[in-house]
Amino acid sequence: MTFAELLIYLDTHTPYSLLDGTPEETVAKARTGAHRDPVAGSIIARLFEGSGVQTTEDPLARAQAVAALGPLRLAYMKDDAPVEGFRMVEKIVHAIDRAFDEEALRLKGKA
């Protein structure tokens, strides 16, 4: 799955409006702090920058995606961090797992 495919999946399978334009525009806005939702923008920026991809069309593995959010997840666990940020990160991590599970099942069905 590409980064763009994952971002589209997360936008359609979570209660959050993560896309702010195309996947490319969304990442650009998130990385510059211009995303319409600052918490979503920080999650998208961390996911992109921490996963090691260079473009939204680069392939991404589940482990890369989940590990990329690890530092942000820990930051939102602090006592003074906004609870809504922690909840959003947690829901997105679970949605990432579902995305890769669904992709594996789809690919298995093609074999």
N, C-alpha and C. Protein backbone atom coordinates (compact mmCIF):
# COMPACT_ATOMS: atom_id res chain seq x y z
N MET A 1 0.85 -1.17 0.00
CA MET A 1 0.00 0.00 0.00
C MET A 1 0.90 1.23 0.00
N THR A 2 0.49 2.24 -0.75
CA THR A 2 1.27 3.47 -0.77
C THR A 2 0.83 4.38 0.38
N PHE A 3 1.64 5.38 0.65
CA PHE A 3 1.28 6.34 1.68
C PHE A 3 -0.05 7.00 1.33
N ALA A 4 -0.23 7.39 0.07
CA ALA A 4 -1.47 8.03 -0.36
C ALA A 4 -2.67 7.11 -0.14
N GLU A 5 -2.53 5.83 -0.49
CA GLU A 5 -3.63 4.88 -0.29
C GLU A 5 -3.99 4.77 1.19
N LEU A 6 -2.97 4.73 2.04
CA LEU A 6 -3.24 4.65 3.48
C LEU A 6 -3.94 5.92 3.96
N LEU A 7 -3.49 7.05 3.51
CA LEU A 7 -4.10 8.32 3.94
C LEU A 7 -5.57 8.40 3.50
N ILE A 8 -5.85 7.96 2.29
CA ILE A 8 -7.24 7.93 1.81
C ILE A 8 -8.06 6.96 2.64
N TYR A 9 -7.50 5.79 2.94
CA TYR A 9 -8.21 4.81 3.77
C TYR A 9 -8.53 5.42 5.14
N LEU A 10 -7.55 6.04 5.76
CA LEU A 10 -7.76 6.63 7.09
C LEU A 10 -8.81 7.73 7.05
N ASP A 11 -8.83 8.50 5.97
CA ASP A 11 -9.82 9.57 5.85
C ASP A 11 -11.23 9.01 5.75
N THR A 12 -11.38 7.89 5.07
CA THR A 12 -12.72 7.33 4.86
C THR A 12 -13.14 6.33 5.94
N HIS A 13 -12.20 5.83 6.73
CA HIS A 13 -12.53 4.81 7.72
C HIS A 13 -12.31 5.24 9.16
N THR A 14 -12.16 6.54 9.38
CA THR A 14 -12.09 7.07 10.74
C THR A 14 -13.08 8.23 10.81
N PRO A 15 -13.41 8.68 12.00
CA PRO A 15 -14.33 9.81 12.11
C PRO A 15 -13.68 11.16 11.84
N TYR A 16 -12.45 11.15 11.36
CA TYR A 16 -11.71 12.40 11.15
C TYR A 16 -11.61 12.74 9.67
N SER A 17 -11.67 14.02 9.37
CA SER A 17 -11.45 14.50 8.01
C SER A 17 -9.95 14.80 7.89
N LEU A 18 -9.21 13.79 7.49
CA LEU A 18 -7.75 13.93 7.43
C LEU A 18 -7.29 14.61 6.15
N LEU A 19 -7.96 14.33 5.04
CA LEU A 19 -7.54 14.91 3.78
C LEU A 19 -7.87 16.40 3.76
N ASP A 20 -6.91 17.17 3.34
CA ASP A 20 -7.07 18.61 3.17
C ASP A 20 -6.59 18.92 1.75
N GLY A 21 -7.37 18.46 0.77
CA GLY A 21 -6.96 18.48 -0.62
C GLY A 21 -6.56 17.08 -1.04
N THR A 22 -5.68 16.98 -2.03
CA THR A 22 -5.17 15.69 -2.46
C THR A 22 -4.24 15.14 -1.36
N PRO A 23 -3.87 13.86 -1.44
CA PRO A 23 -2.89 13.37 -0.46
C PRO A 23 -1.60 14.20 -0.45
N GLU A 24 -1.13 14.60 -1.63
CA GLU A 24 0.09 15.39 -1.71
C GLU A 24 -0.10 16.76 -1.04
N GLU A 25 -1.22 17.41 -1.33
CA GLU A 25 -1.51 18.71 -0.71
C GLU A 25 -1.67 18.57 0.80
N THR A 26 -2.31 17.49 1.22
CA THR A 26 -2.52 17.24 2.64
C THR A 26 -1.20 17.12 3.37
N VAL A 27 -0.28 16.34 2.81
CA VAL A 27 1.03 16.17 3.44
C VAL A 27 1.78 17.49 3.47
N ALA A 28 1.74 18.23 2.38
CA ALA A 28 2.44 19.53 2.34
C ALA A 28 1.89 20.46 3.41
N LYS A 29 0.57 20.53 3.54
CA LYS A 29 -0.04 21.39 4.55
C LYS A 29 0.30 20.91 5.96
N ALA A 30 0.26 19.60 6.15
CA ALA A 30 0.57 19.05 7.47
C ALA A 30 2.01 19.36 7.87
N ARG A 31 2.92 19.23 6.94
CA ARG A 31 4.34 19.45 7.23
C ARG A 31 4.67 20.92 7.50
N THR A 32 3.87 21.83 6.97
CA THR A 32 4.13 23.25 7.19
C THR A 32 3.25 23.84 8.29
N GLY A 33 2.41 23.01 8.89
CA GLY A 33 1.53 23.49 9.95
C GLY A 33 0.29 24.20 9.43
N ALA A 34 -0.03 24.04 8.14
CA ALA A 34 -1.17 24.72 7.55
C ALA A 34 -2.41 23.83 7.42
N HIS A 35 -2.34 22.60 7.90
CA HIS A 35 -3.50 21.70 7.81
C HIS A 35 -4.65 22.30 8.62
N ARG A 36 -5.86 22.17 8.13
CA ARG A 36 -7.03 22.79 8.79
C ARG A 36 -7.27 22.29 10.20
N ASP A 37 -6.80 21.07 10.51
CA ASP A 37 -6.92 20.50 11.85
C ASP A 37 -5.50 20.30 12.39
N PRO A 38 -5.08 21.12 13.35
CA PRO A 38 -3.69 21.04 13.83
C PRO A 38 -3.31 19.66 14.39
N VAL A 39 -4.21 18.99 15.08
CA VAL A 39 -3.88 17.67 15.63
C VAL A 39 -3.73 16.66 14.49
N ALA A 40 -4.70 16.65 13.57
CA ALA A 40 -4.60 15.75 12.42
C ALA A 40 -3.34 16.06 11.62
N GLY A 41 -3.04 17.33 11.45
CA GLY A 41 -1.84 17.72 10.72
C GLY A 41 -0.58 17.20 11.37
N SER A 42 -0.51 17.26 12.69
CA SER A 42 0.69 16.75 13.38
C SER A 42 0.81 15.24 13.22
N ILE A 43 -0.32 14.56 13.21
CA ILE A 43 -0.30 13.10 13.03
C ILE A 43 0.15 12.75 11.61
N ILE A 44 -0.40 13.44 10.63
CA ILE A 44 -0.04 13.16 9.23
C ILE A 44 1.43 13.49 8.98
N ALA A 45 1.89 14.62 9.49
CA ALA A 45 3.29 15.00 9.31
C ALA A 45 4.21 13.96 9.95
N ARG A 46 3.89 13.53 11.15
CA ARG A 46 4.72 12.54 11.85
C ARG A 46 4.71 11.21 11.10
N LEU A 47 3.53 10.81 10.61
CA LEU A 47 3.42 9.57 9.86
C LEU A 47 4.28 9.62 8.60
N PHE A 48 4.24 10.74 7.90
CA PHE A 48 5.03 10.88 6.68
C PHE A 48 6.52 10.95 6.98
N GLU A 49 6.90 11.84 7.88
CA GLU A 49 8.32 12.04 8.16
C GLU A 49 8.96 10.87 8.88
N GLY A 50 8.21 10.23 9.75
CA GLY A 50 8.76 9.12 10.53
C GLY A 50 8.78 7.79 9.83
N SER A 51 8.06 7.69 8.72
CA SER A 51 7.98 6.39 8.03
C SER A 51 9.09 6.17 7.03
N GLY A 52 9.79 7.23 6.68
CA GLY A 52 10.90 7.09 5.74
C GLY A 52 10.51 7.19 4.28
N VAL A 53 9.24 7.46 3.99
CA VAL A 53 8.84 7.62 2.59
C VAL A 53 9.29 8.99 2.10
N GLN A 54 9.45 9.09 0.79
CA GLN A 54 9.87 10.37 0.19
C GLN A 54 8.72 11.06 -0.52
N THR A 55 7.76 10.27 -1.02
CA THR A 55 6.58 10.81 -1.70
C THR A 55 5.35 10.06 -1.22
N THR A 56 4.20 10.58 -1.55
CA THR A 56 2.96 9.90 -1.14
C THR A 56 2.72 8.63 -1.97
N GLU A 57 3.46 8.46 -3.04
CA GLU A 57 3.30 7.26 -3.87
C GLU A 57 4.27 6.15 -3.48
N ASP A 58 5.11 6.38 -2.50
CA ASP A 58 6.03 5.35 -2.02
C ASP A 58 5.27 4.29 -1.24
N PRO A 59 5.69 3.03 -1.37
CA PRO A 59 5.06 1.97 -0.59
C PRO A 59 5.38 2.12 0.89
N LEU A 60 4.45 1.66 1.69
CA LEU A 60 4.55 1.80 3.14
C LEU A 60 4.12 0.47 3.77
N ALA A 61 4.87 0.01 4.75
CA ALA A 61 4.52 -1.21 5.47
C ALA A 61 3.84 -0.85 6.79
N ARG A 62 3.07 -1.79 7.31
CA ARG A 62 2.37 -1.56 8.58
C ARG A 62 3.34 -1.15 9.68
N ALA A 63 4.44 -1.87 9.81
CA ALA A 63 5.40 -1.59 10.87
C ALA A 63 5.97 -0.18 10.75
N GLN A 64 6.24 0.27 9.53
CA GLN A 64 6.74 1.64 9.31
C GLN A 64 5.73 2.66 9.81
N ALA A 65 4.47 2.45 9.46
CA ALA A 65 3.41 3.40 9.80
C ALA A 65 3.21 3.48 11.31
N VAL A 66 3.10 2.33 11.95
CA VAL A 66 2.85 2.31 13.39
C VAL A 66 4.06 2.85 14.15
N ALA A 67 5.26 2.45 13.74
CA ALA A 67 6.48 2.93 14.41
C ALA A 67 6.63 4.44 14.24
N ALA A 68 6.23 4.97 13.08
CA ALA A 68 6.35 6.40 12.84
C ALA A 68 5.54 7.21 13.84
N LEU A 69 4.41 6.66 14.27
CA LEU A 69 3.55 7.38 15.21
C LEU A 69 3.94 7.17 16.67
N GLY A 70 4.89 6.28 16.93
CA GLY A 70 5.30 5.99 18.31
C GLY A 70 5.68 7.21 19.13
N PRO A 71 6.57 8.07 18.65
CA PRO A 71 6.95 9.25 19.43
C PRO A 71 5.77 10.19 19.71
N LEU A 72 4.89 10.34 18.73
CA LEU A 72 3.72 11.20 18.93
C LEU A 72 2.76 10.58 19.94
N ARG A 73 2.62 9.29 19.85
CA ARG A 73 1.77 8.55 20.80
C ARG A 73 2.26 8.76 22.23
N LEU A 74 3.57 8.65 22.42
CA LEU A 74 4.15 8.87 23.75
C LEU A 74 3.95 10.31 24.22
N ALA A 75 4.09 11.26 23.31
CA ALA A 75 3.90 12.66 23.68
C ALA A 75 2.47 12.92 24.14
N TYR A 76 1.51 12.28 23.50
CA TYR A 76 0.11 12.47 23.88
C TYR A 76 -0.26 11.70 25.15
N MET A 77 0.62 10.83 25.63
CA MET A 77 0.36 10.11 26.88
C MET A 77 0.73 10.92 28.11
N LYS A 78 1.45 12.02 27.92
CA LYS A 78 1.85 12.85 29.05
C LYS A 78 0.63 13.48 29.70
N ASP A 79 0.75 13.75 30.99
CA ASP A 79 -0.37 14.29 31.76
C ASP A 79 -0.91 15.61 31.22
N ASP A 80 -0.04 16.45 30.69
CA ASP A 80 -0.49 17.77 30.23
C ASP A 80 -0.88 17.81 28.75
N ALA A 81 -0.84 16.66 28.09
CA ALA A 81 -1.19 16.60 26.67
C ALA A 81 -2.71 16.54 26.50
N PRO A 82 -3.22 17.11 25.41
CA PRO A 82 -4.67 17.09 25.19
C PRO A 82 -5.16 15.66 24.93
N VAL A 83 -6.18 15.26 25.66
CA VAL A 83 -6.70 13.90 25.56
C VAL A 83 -7.25 13.61 24.17
N GLU A 84 -7.78 14.63 23.49
CA GLU A 84 -8.32 14.39 22.15
C GLU A 84 -7.22 13.98 21.17
N GLY A 85 -6.02 14.47 21.36
CA GLY A 85 -4.89 14.07 20.53
C GLY A 85 -4.55 12.61 20.74
N PHE A 86 -4.54 12.18 22.00
CA PHE A 86 -4.26 10.78 22.30
C PHE A 86 -5.33 9.88 21.68
N ARG A 87 -6.58 10.26 21.83
CA ARG A 87 -7.67 9.45 21.26
C ARG A 87 -7.56 9.36 19.74
N MET A 88 -7.22 10.47 19.11
CA MET A 88 -7.09 10.47 17.65
C MET A 88 -5.95 9.55 17.21
N VAL A 89 -4.81 9.66 17.87
CA VAL A 89 -3.68 8.79 17.52
C VAL A 89 -4.06 7.32 17.70
N GLU A 90 -4.70 7.00 18.80
CA GLU A 90 -5.10 5.61 19.05
C GLU A 90 -6.06 5.09 17.98
N LYS A 91 -7.05 5.88 17.63
CA LYS A 91 -8.01 5.45 16.60
C LYS A 91 -7.32 5.29 15.25
N ILE A 92 -6.37 6.17 14.96
CA ILE A 92 -5.67 6.07 13.69
C ILE A 92 -4.76 4.84 13.66
N VAL A 93 -4.11 4.53 14.76
CA VAL A 93 -3.27 3.32 14.81
C VAL A 93 -4.13 2.08 14.58
N HIS A 94 -5.30 2.03 15.21
CA HIS A 94 -6.19 0.88 15.00
C HIS A 94 -6.67 0.83 13.54
N ALA A 95 -6.93 1.97 12.96
CA ALA A 95 -7.36 2.01 11.55
C ALA A 95 -6.22 1.59 10.62
N ILE A 96 -4.99 1.92 10.96
CA ILE A 96 -3.84 1.47 10.17
C ILE A 96 -3.79 -0.06 10.18
N ASP A 97 -3.98 -0.66 11.34
CA ASP A 97 -4.00 -2.12 11.42
C ASP A 97 -5.10 -2.70 10.54
N ARG A 98 -6.28 -2.11 10.59
CA ARG A 98 -7.40 -2.60 9.76
C ARG A 98 -7.07 -2.46 8.28
N ALA A 99 -6.46 -1.35 7.90
CA ALA A 99 -6.12 -1.11 6.49
C ALA A 99 -5.21 -2.21 5.97
N PHE A 100 -4.18 -2.55 6.74
CA PHE A 100 -3.24 -3.57 6.30
C PHE A 100 -3.84 -4.97 6.38
N ASP A 101 -4.72 -5.20 7.36
CA ASP A 101 -5.43 -6.49 7.43
C ASP A 101 -6.30 -6.67 6.19
N GLU A 102 -7.06 -5.63 5.84
CA GLU A 102 -7.93 -5.71 4.67
C GLU A 102 -7.13 -5.90 3.39
N GLU A 103 -5.99 -5.21 3.30
CA GLU A 103 -5.15 -5.37 2.11
C GLU A 103 -4.61 -6.80 2.03
N ALA A 104 -4.18 -7.36 3.14
CA ALA A 104 -3.67 -8.73 3.14
C ALA A 104 -4.75 -9.73 2.72
N LEU A 105 -5.95 -9.54 3.23
CA LEU A 105 -7.05 -10.43 2.85
C LEU A 105 -7.39 -10.28 1.36
N ARG A 106 -7.38 -9.06 0.88
CA ARG A 106 -7.66 -8.82 -0.54
C ARG A 106 -6.60 -9.49 -1.43
N LEU A 107 -5.34 -9.34 -1.04
CA LEU A 107 -4.25 -9.94 -1.82
C LEU A 107 -4.28 -11.47 -1.73
N LYS A 108 -4.66 -11.97 -0.59
CA LYS A 108 -4.75 -13.42 -0.40
C LYS A 108 -5.85 -14.00 -1.28
N GLY A 109 -6.93 -13.25 -1.44
CA GLY A 109 -8.04 -13.68 -2.28
C GLY A 109 -7.67 -13.73 -3.75
N LYS A 110 -6.67 -12.94 -4.16
CA LYS A 110 -6.22 -12.91 -5.54
C LYS A 110 -5.27 -14.06 -5.86
N ALA A 111 -4.67 -14.63 -4.83
CA ALA A 111 -3.65 -15.68 -5.05
C ALA A 111 -4.25 -16.97 -5.51
